[in-house]
Amino acid sequence: MKIVGVTACTIGIAHTYLAQQKLEDAAKAAGDEIKIETQGTIGVENALTQEEIDNADIAILAVDVKISGEERFKNHKVVKVSTEVAIKSPKKLIAKMHEIAGK
């Protein structure tokens, strides 16, 4: 399964990148391809292209704040959670995404 997503926390430092790492580790353990864009205090890193979003089976927004470019995901299956959920239960979250995507 192909997953794309964005992580962003209120401070834009630790939880943004911790959520990214947890999601990437859990997805790779499940055999998925994943790319996570971070929107932290230093700006957007690992930016997603519209093509990557269009080719993904599902998207995850692990965010605690309003993000830029959320409209890019409007025609896709999207799971939206807090960064805390992504950090504490990444494997459950990836399993739920498989259910939702039907894969």
C-alpha atoms as a PDB file:
ATOM      1  CA  MET A   1       0.000   0.000   0.000  1.00  0.00           C
ATOM      2  CA  LYS A   2       1.191   3.507  -0.757  1.00  0.00           C
ATOM      3  CA  ILE A   3       0.774   6.055   2.031  1.00  0.00           C
ATOM      4  CA  VAL A   4       1.450   9.766   2.042  1.00  0.00           C
ATOM      5  CA  GLY A   5       0.962  12.199   4.862  1.00  0.00           C
ATOM      6  CA  VAL A   6       1.806  15.306   6.784  1.00  0.00           C
ATOM      7  CA  THR A   7       2.899  15.738  10.382  1.00  0.00           C
ATOM      8  CA  ALA A   8       2.757  19.043  12.239  1.00  0.00           C
ATOM      9  CA  CYS A   9       2.569  19.867  15.946  1.00  0.00           C
ATOM     10  CA  THR A  10       1.853  23.052  17.862  1.00  0.00           C
ATOM     11  CA  ILE A  11       5.484  23.888  18.547  1.00  0.00           C
ATOM     12  CA  GLY A  12       6.749  22.418  15.288  1.00  0.00           C
ATOM     13  CA  ILE A  13       9.778  20.698  16.726  1.00  0.00           C
ATOM     14  CA  ALA A  14       9.764  17.351  18.506  1.00  0.00           C
ATOM     15  CA  HIS A  15       6.320  15.845  17.910  1.00  0.00           C
ATOM     16  CA  THR A  16       6.322  16.712  14.207  1.00  0.00           C
ATOM     17  CA  TYR A  17       9.446  14.663  13.575  1.00  0.00           C
ATOM     18  CA  LEU A  18       8.713  11.959  16.140  1.00  0.00           C
ATOM     19  CA  ALA A  19       5.318  11.307  14.531  1.00  0.00           C
ATOM     20  CA  GLN A  20       6.993  11.157  11.107  1.00  0.00           C
ATOM     21  CA  GLN A  21       9.520   8.595  12.302  1.00  0.00           C
ATOM     22  CA  LYS A  22       6.943   6.430  14.097  1.00  0.00           C
ATOM     23  CA  LEU A  23       4.657   6.363  11.054  1.00  0.00           C
ATOM     24  CA  GLU A  24       7.510   5.565   8.686  1.00  0.00           C
ATOM     25  CA  ASP A  25       8.776   2.743  10.917  1.00  0.00           C
ATOM     26  CA  ALA A  26       5.303   1.211  11.356  1.00  0.00           C
ATOM     27  CA  ALA A  27       4.455   1.452   7.653  1.00  0.00           C
ATOM     28  CA  LYS A  28       7.738  -0.077   6.551  1.00  0.00           C
ATOM     29  CA  ALA A  29       7.285  -2.904   9.072  1.00  0.00           C
ATOM     30  CA  ALA A  30       3.894  -3.569   7.468  1.00  0.00           C
ATOM     31  CA  GLY A  31       5.473  -3.641   4.006  1.00  0.00           C
ATOM     32  CA  ASP A  32       4.051  -0.305   2.879  1.00  0.00           C
ATOM     33  CA  GLU A  33       5.604   2.536   0.913  1.00  0.00           C
ATOM     34  CA  ILE A  34       5.315   5.796   2.815  1.00  0.00           C
ATOM     35  CA  LYS A  35       6.339   9.409   2.419  1.00  0.00           C
ATOM     36  CA  ILE A  36       5.652  11.933   5.136  1.00  0.00           C
ATOM     37  CA  GLU A  37       5.932  15.683   4.695  1.00  0.00           C
ATOM     38  CA  THR A  38       6.794  17.637   7.833  1.00  0.00           C
ATOM     39  CA  GLN A  39       5.589  21.141   8.496  1.00  0.00           C
ATOM     40  CA  GLY A  40       7.698  22.291  11.443  1.00  0.00           C
ATOM     41  CA  THR A  41       9.321  25.466  12.664  1.00  0.00           C
ATOM     42  CA  ILE A  42      11.877  25.323   9.868  1.00  0.00           C
ATOM     43  CA  GLY A  43       9.177  25.078   7.224  1.00  0.00           C
ATOM     44  CA  VAL A  44       8.099  22.279   4.919  1.00  0.00           C
ATOM     45  CA  GLU A  45      10.515  19.400   4.534  1.00  0.00           C
ATOM     46  CA  ASN A  46      10.216  16.279   2.381  1.00  0.00           C
ATOM     47  CA  ALA A  47       7.445  18.005   0.426  1.00  0.00           C
ATOM     48  CA  LEU A  48       4.873  15.804  -1.293  1.00  0.00           C
ATOM     49  CA  THR A  49       4.190  16.304  -4.966  1.00  0.00           C
ATOM     50  CA  GLN A  50       0.633  16.240  -6.239  1.00  0.00           C
ATOM     51  CA  GLU A  51       1.572  13.144  -8.256  1.00  0.00           C
ATOM     52  CA  GLU A  52       2.688  11.322  -5.085  1.00  0.00           C
ATOM     53  CA  ILE A  53      -0.585  12.253  -3.413  1.00  0.00           C
ATOM     54  CA  ASP A  54      -2.631  11.183  -6.442  1.00  0.00           C
ATOM     55  CA  ASN A  55      -0.864   7.819  -6.608  1.00  0.00           C
ATOM     56  CA  ALA A  56      -1.264   7.039  -2.903  1.00  0.00           C
ATOM     57  CA  ASP A  57      -3.888   4.606  -1.622  1.00  0.00           C
ATOM     58  CA  ILE A  58      -4.504   6.674   1.490  1.00  0.00           C
ATOM     59  CA  ALA A  59      -3.223   9.757   3.277  1.00  0.00           C
ATOM     60  CA  ILE A  60      -2.626  10.485   6.925  1.00  0.00           C
ATOM     61  CA  LEU A  61      -2.653  13.902   8.489  1.00  0.00           C
ATOM     62  CA  ALA A  62      -1.093  13.625  11.943  1.00  0.00           C
ATOM     63  CA  VAL A  63      -1.511  17.248  12.846  1.00  0.00           C
ATOM     64  CA  ASP A  64      -2.269  19.430  15.857  1.00  0.00           C
ATOM     65  CA  VAL A  65      -2.446  22.684  13.911  1.00  0.00           C
ATOM     66  CA  LYS A  66      -3.809  23.960  10.620  1.00  0.00           C
ATOM     67  CA  ILE A  67      -1.451  22.939   7.835  1.00  0.00           C
ATOM     68  CA  SER A  68      -0.741  24.521   4.514  1.00  0.00           C
ATOM     69  CA  GLY A  69      -1.926  22.654   1.450  1.00  0.00           C
ATOM     70  CA  GLU A  70      -4.548  20.467   3.133  1.00  0.00           C
ATOM     71  CA  GLU A  71      -6.750  20.950   0.048  1.00  0.00           C
ATOM     72  CA  ARG A  72      -4.291  18.751  -1.877  1.00  0.00           C
ATOM     73  CA  PHE A  73      -5.909  15.731  -0.186  1.00  0.00           C
ATOM     74  CA  LYS A  74      -9.571  16.619  -0.787  1.00  0.00           C
ATOM     75  CA  ASN A  75     -10.251  13.805  -3.288  1.00  0.00           C
ATOM     76  CA  HIS A  76      -8.458  11.085  -1.316  1.00  0.00           C
ATOM     77  CA  LYS A  77      -9.127   8.793   1.578  1.00  0.00           C
ATOM     78  CA  VAL A  78      -7.684  10.673   4.544  1.00  0.00           C
ATOM     79  CA  VAL A  79      -7.163   9.668   8.149  1.00  0.00           C
ATOM     80  CA  LYS A  80      -6.742  12.689  10.399  1.00  0.00           C
ATOM     81  CA  VAL A  81      -5.352  12.250  13.909  1.00  0.00           C
ATOM     82  CA  SER A  82      -3.244  14.140  16.426  1.00  0.00           C
ATOM     83  CA  THR A  83       0.522  13.696  16.505  1.00  0.00           C
ATOM     84  CA  GLU A  84       0.056  12.065  19.907  1.00  0.00           C
ATOM     85  CA  VAL A  85      -1.969   9.222  18.372  1.00  0.00           C
ATOM     86  CA  ALA A  86       0.660   8.729  15.655  1.00  0.00           C
ATOM     87  CA  ILE A  87       3.426   8.630  18.249  1.00  0.00           C
ATOM     88  CA  LYS A  88       1.684   6.358  20.757  1.00  0.00           C
ATOM     89  CA  SER A  89      -0.095   3.899  18.421  1.00  0.00           C
ATOM     90  CA  PRO A  90       1.574   3.899  15.004  1.00  0.00           C
ATOM     91  CA  LYS A  91       1.060   0.185  14.317  1.00  0.00           C
ATOM     92  CA  LYS A  92      -2.670   0.353  15.182  1.00  0.00           C
ATOM     93  CA  LEU A  93      -2.990   3.419  13.012  1.00  0.00           C
ATOM     94  CA  ILE A  94      -1.348   1.742  10.021  1.00  0.00           C
ATOM     95  CA  ALA A  95      -3.588  -1.320  10.519  1.00  0.00           C
ATOM     96  CA  LYS A  96      -6.663   0.945  10.571  1.00  0.00           C
ATOM     97  CA  MET A  97      -5.471   2.619   7.373  1.00  0.00           C
ATOM     98  CA  HIS A  98      -5.274  -0.806   5.695  1.00  0.00           C
ATOM     99  CA  GLU A  99      -8.887  -1.416   6.741  1.00  0.00           C
ATOM    100  CA  ILE A 100     -10.052   1.924   5.382  1.00  0.00           C
ATOM    101  CA  ALA A 101      -8.129   1.581   2.125  1.00  0.00           C
ATOM    102  CA  GLY A 102      -9.347  -1.995   1.746  1.00  0.00           C
ATOM    103  CA  LYS A 103      -5.811  -3.330   1.311  1.00  0.00           C
END
